[in-house]
Amino acid sequence: MFASPAYAQTAAAPAGGAYAGFIQFVPIVAIFVIFYFLMIRPQQTRAKAHRAMLDAVKRGDEVVTGGGLIGRVTKVADTELEVEVATGVKLRVVKGTLAEVRTKTLPPAANDAKS
């Protein structure tokens, strides 16, 4: 035979005991904590802000859809909006597809000074 037989040896006991096993899991836990703060939490806050924006849509707001259409809201339903993109041209749009809501804010009239 060309190779000599190999015999199994008993493994040495870990130096730290149970503490050494805990130390091996610290980097894995740290990775999950970093992922939570850098990826999961910001996505949740973005989704919450988008939901709040959709709930605040009202008639007269100027909106931008995900497809890039810009128009003024003429009717609001539970899950759909009616958006006027040109004079006499109205589209039904799903609320979830809105990318931005530009609220119509008119400046106060010149003769409406607060006293």
C-alpha atoms as a PDB file:
ATOM      1  CA  MET A   1       0.000   0.000   0.000  1.00  0.00           C
ATOM      2  CA  PHE A   2       1.114   3.506  -0.825  1.00  0.00           C
ATOM      3  CA  ALA A   3      -0.679   5.399   1.952  1.00  0.00           C
ATOM      4  CA  SER A   4      -0.397   4.806   5.636  1.00  0.00           C
ATOM      5  CA  PRO A   5      -3.659   4.517   7.594  1.00  0.00           C
ATOM      6  CA  ALA A   6      -4.867   7.618   9.458  1.00  0.00           C
ATOM      7  CA  TYR A   7      -6.280   7.242  12.925  1.00  0.00           C
ATOM      8  CA  ALA A   8      -8.812   9.649  14.412  1.00  0.00           C
ATOM      9  CA  GLN A   9      -7.719  11.620  17.421  1.00  0.00           C
ATOM     10  CA  THR A  10      -9.866  13.022  20.130  1.00  0.00           C
ATOM     11  CA  ALA A  11     -10.539  16.751  19.780  1.00  0.00           C
ATOM     12  CA  ALA A  12      -9.135  19.055  22.402  1.00  0.00           C
ATOM     13  CA  ALA A  13     -11.663  20.725  24.679  1.00  0.00           C
ATOM     14  CA  PRO A  14     -12.366  24.383  23.835  1.00  0.00           C
ATOM     15  CA  ALA A  15     -10.320  26.828  25.837  1.00  0.00           C
ATOM     16  CA  GLY A  16     -13.205  29.025  27.017  1.00  0.00           C
ATOM     17  CA  GLY A  17     -15.936  26.439  27.424  1.00  0.00           C
ATOM     18  CA  ALA A  18     -19.457  27.829  26.966  1.00  0.00           C
ATOM     19  CA  TYR A  19     -18.124  31.396  26.702  1.00  0.00           C
ATOM     20  CA  ALA A  20     -16.236  30.534  23.497  1.00  0.00           C
ATOM     21  CA  GLY A  21     -19.440  29.256  21.878  1.00  0.00           C
ATOM     22  CA  PHE A  22     -21.171  32.548  22.691  1.00  0.00           C
ATOM     23  CA  ILE A  23     -18.342  34.556  21.146  1.00  0.00           C
ATOM     24  CA  GLN A  24     -18.849  32.736  17.827  1.00  0.00           C
ATOM     25  CA  PHE A  25     -22.449  34.019  17.562  1.00  0.00           C
ATOM     26  CA  VAL A  26     -21.653  37.671  18.334  1.00  0.00           C
ATOM     27  CA  PRO A  27     -20.595  38.539  14.741  1.00  0.00           C
ATOM     28  CA  ILE A  28     -23.754  36.928  13.317  1.00  0.00           C
ATOM     29  CA  VAL A  29     -25.964  38.906  15.700  1.00  0.00           C
ATOM     30  CA  ALA A  30     -24.014  42.083  14.877  1.00  0.00           C
ATOM     31  CA  ILE A  31     -24.636  41.547  11.138  1.00  0.00           C
ATOM     32  CA  PHE A  32     -28.397  41.251  11.708  1.00  0.00           C
ATOM     33  CA  VAL A  33     -28.420  44.400  13.853  1.00  0.00           C
ATOM     34  CA  ILE A  34     -26.516  46.335  11.169  1.00  0.00           C
ATOM     35  CA  PHE A  35     -28.904  45.085   8.450  1.00  0.00           C
ATOM     36  CA  TYR A  36     -31.869  46.181  10.547  1.00  0.00           C
ATOM     37  CA  PHE A  37     -30.612  49.737  11.017  1.00  0.00           C
ATOM     38  CA  LEU A  38     -29.223  50.210   7.504  1.00  0.00           C
ATOM     39  CA  MET A  39     -31.843  48.431   5.374  1.00  0.00           C
ATOM     40  CA  ILE A  40     -35.031  47.298   7.113  1.00  0.00           C
ATOM     41  CA  ARG A  41     -35.796  50.304   9.330  1.00  0.00           C
ATOM     42  CA  PRO A  42     -35.358  52.986   6.612  1.00  0.00           C
ATOM     43  CA  GLN A  43     -37.575  50.968   4.249  1.00  0.00           C
ATOM     44  CA  GLN A  44     -40.296  50.743   6.903  1.00  0.00           C
ATOM     45  CA  THR A  45     -40.194  54.501   7.537  1.00  0.00           C
ATOM     46  CA  ARG A  46     -40.351  55.181   3.779  1.00  0.00           C
ATOM     47  CA  ALA A  47     -43.368  52.872   3.444  1.00  0.00           C
ATOM     48  CA  LYS A  48     -45.077  54.556   6.414  1.00  0.00           C
ATOM     49  CA  ALA A  49     -44.511  58.016   4.885  1.00  0.00           C
ATOM     50  CA  HIS A  50     -45.889  56.826   1.520  1.00  0.00           C
ATOM     51  CA  ARG A  51     -49.011  55.399   3.205  1.00  0.00           C
ATOM     52  CA  ALA A  52     -49.543  58.698   5.042  1.00  0.00           C
ATOM     53  CA  MET A  53     -49.137  60.606   1.763  1.00  0.00           C
ATOM     54  CA  LEU A  54     -51.749  58.408   0.065  1.00  0.00           C
ATOM     55  CA  ASP A  55     -54.192  58.813   2.943  1.00  0.00           C
ATOM     56  CA  ALA A  56     -53.826  62.615   2.775  1.00  0.00           C
ATOM     57  CA  VAL A  57     -54.677  62.931  -0.946  1.00  0.00           C
ATOM     58  CA  LYS A  58     -57.667  65.180  -1.448  1.00  0.00           C
ATOM     59  CA  ARG A  59     -59.568  66.798  -4.288  1.00  0.00           C
ATOM     60  CA  GLY A  60     -57.589  69.602  -5.912  1.00  0.00           C
ATOM     61  CA  ASP A  61     -54.124  68.177  -5.187  1.00  0.00           C
ATOM     62  CA  GLU A  62     -51.640  67.950  -8.001  1.00  0.00           C
ATOM     63  CA  VAL A  63     -50.222  64.413  -8.215  1.00  0.00           C
ATOM     64  CA  VAL A  64     -47.492  62.593 -10.100  1.00  0.00           C
ATOM     65  CA  THR A  65     -48.072  58.929 -10.924  1.00  0.00           C
ATOM     66  CA  GLY A  66     -45.423  56.246 -11.100  1.00  0.00           C
ATOM     67  CA  GLY A  67     -45.612  56.441 -14.888  1.00  0.00           C
ATOM     68  CA  GLY A  68     -44.828  60.146 -14.850  1.00  0.00           C
ATOM     69  CA  LEU A  69     -48.295  61.568 -15.541  1.00  0.00           C
ATOM     70  CA  ILE A  70     -49.013  64.850 -13.792  1.00  0.00           C
ATOM     71  CA  GLY A  71     -52.564  65.894 -13.113  1.00  0.00           C
ATOM     72  CA  ARG A  72     -55.077  67.323 -10.671  1.00  0.00           C
ATOM     73  CA  VAL A  73     -57.286  65.079  -8.519  1.00  0.00           C
ATOM     74  CA  THR A  74     -60.979  65.548  -9.246  1.00  0.00           C
ATOM     75  CA  LYS A  75     -62.461  62.610  -7.315  1.00  0.00           C
ATOM     76  CA  VAL A  76     -61.143  60.423  -4.478  1.00  0.00           C
ATOM     77  CA  ALA A  77     -62.398  56.880  -3.794  1.00  0.00           C
ATOM     78  CA  ASP A  78     -61.060  54.198  -1.447  1.00  0.00           C
ATOM     79  CA  THR A  79     -58.427  52.726  -3.758  1.00  0.00           C
ATOM     80  CA  GLU A  80     -58.769  54.870  -6.887  1.00  0.00           C
ATOM     81  CA  LEU A  81     -58.491  58.507  -7.892  1.00  0.00           C
ATOM     82  CA  GLU A  82     -59.846  60.377 -10.853  1.00  0.00           C
ATOM     83  CA  VAL A  83     -57.076  62.589 -12.205  1.00  0.00           C
ATOM     84  CA  GLU A  84     -57.564  65.294 -14.815  1.00  0.00           C
ATOM     85  CA  VAL A  85     -54.400  65.439 -16.944  1.00  0.00           C
ATOM     86  CA  ALA A  86     -55.726  67.949 -19.486  1.00  0.00           C
ATOM     87  CA  THR A  87     -58.922  69.922 -19.932  1.00  0.00           C
ATOM     88  CA  GLY A  88     -61.663  67.330 -20.250  1.00  0.00           C
ATOM     89  CA  VAL A  89     -59.265  64.346 -20.097  1.00  0.00           C
ATOM     90  CA  LYS A  90     -59.784  62.329 -16.914  1.00  0.00           C
ATOM     91  CA  LEU A  91     -58.010  59.130 -15.926  1.00  0.00           C
ATOM     92  CA  ARG A  92     -58.748  56.607 -13.213  1.00  0.00           C
ATOM     93  CA  VAL A  93     -55.576  55.895 -11.265  1.00  0.00           C
ATOM     94  CA  VAL A  94     -54.897  53.416  -8.475  1.00  0.00           C
ATOM     95  CA  LYS A  95     -53.854  55.277  -5.314  1.00  0.00           C
ATOM     96  CA  GLY A  96     -50.851  53.029  -4.698  1.00  0.00           C
ATOM     97  CA  THR A  97     -49.205  54.091  -7.951  1.00  0.00           C
ATOM     98  CA  LEU A  98     -48.791  57.712  -6.898  1.00  0.00           C
ATOM     99  CA  ALA A  99     -45.186  58.781  -6.629  1.00  0.00           C
ATOM    100  CA  GLU A 100     -45.672  62.312  -5.335  1.00  0.00           C
ATOM    101  CA  VAL A 101     -48.436  64.605  -4.136  1.00  0.00           C
ATOM    102  CA  ARG A 102     -47.973  68.285  -4.786  1.00  0.00           C
ATOM    103  CA  THR A 103     -50.524  70.042  -2.619  1.00  0.00           C
ATOM    104  CA  LYS A 104     -52.073  73.162  -4.067  1.00  0.00           C
ATOM    105  CA  THR A 105     -51.065  75.965  -1.733  1.00  0.00           C
ATOM    106  CA  LEU A 106     -52.357  79.349  -2.734  1.00  0.00           C
ATOM    107  CA  PRO A 107     -50.720  82.420  -1.219  1.00  0.00           C
ATOM    108  CA  PRO A 108     -53.072  84.611   0.823  1.00  0.00           C
ATOM    109  CA  ALA A 109     -54.687  87.486  -1.009  1.00  0.00           C
ATOM    110  CA  ALA A 110     -52.986  90.866  -0.676  1.00  0.00           C
ATOM    111  CA  ASN A 111     -55.932  92.446   1.132  1.00  0.00           C
ATOM    112  CA  ASP A 112     -56.198  89.614   3.713  1.00  0.00           C
ATOM    113  CA  ALA A 113     -53.616  90.981   6.129  1.00  0.00           C
ATOM    114  CA  LYS A 114     -53.724  89.495   9.600  1.00  0.00           C
ATOM    115  CA  SER A 115     -54.139  92.037  12.339  1.00  0.00           C
END
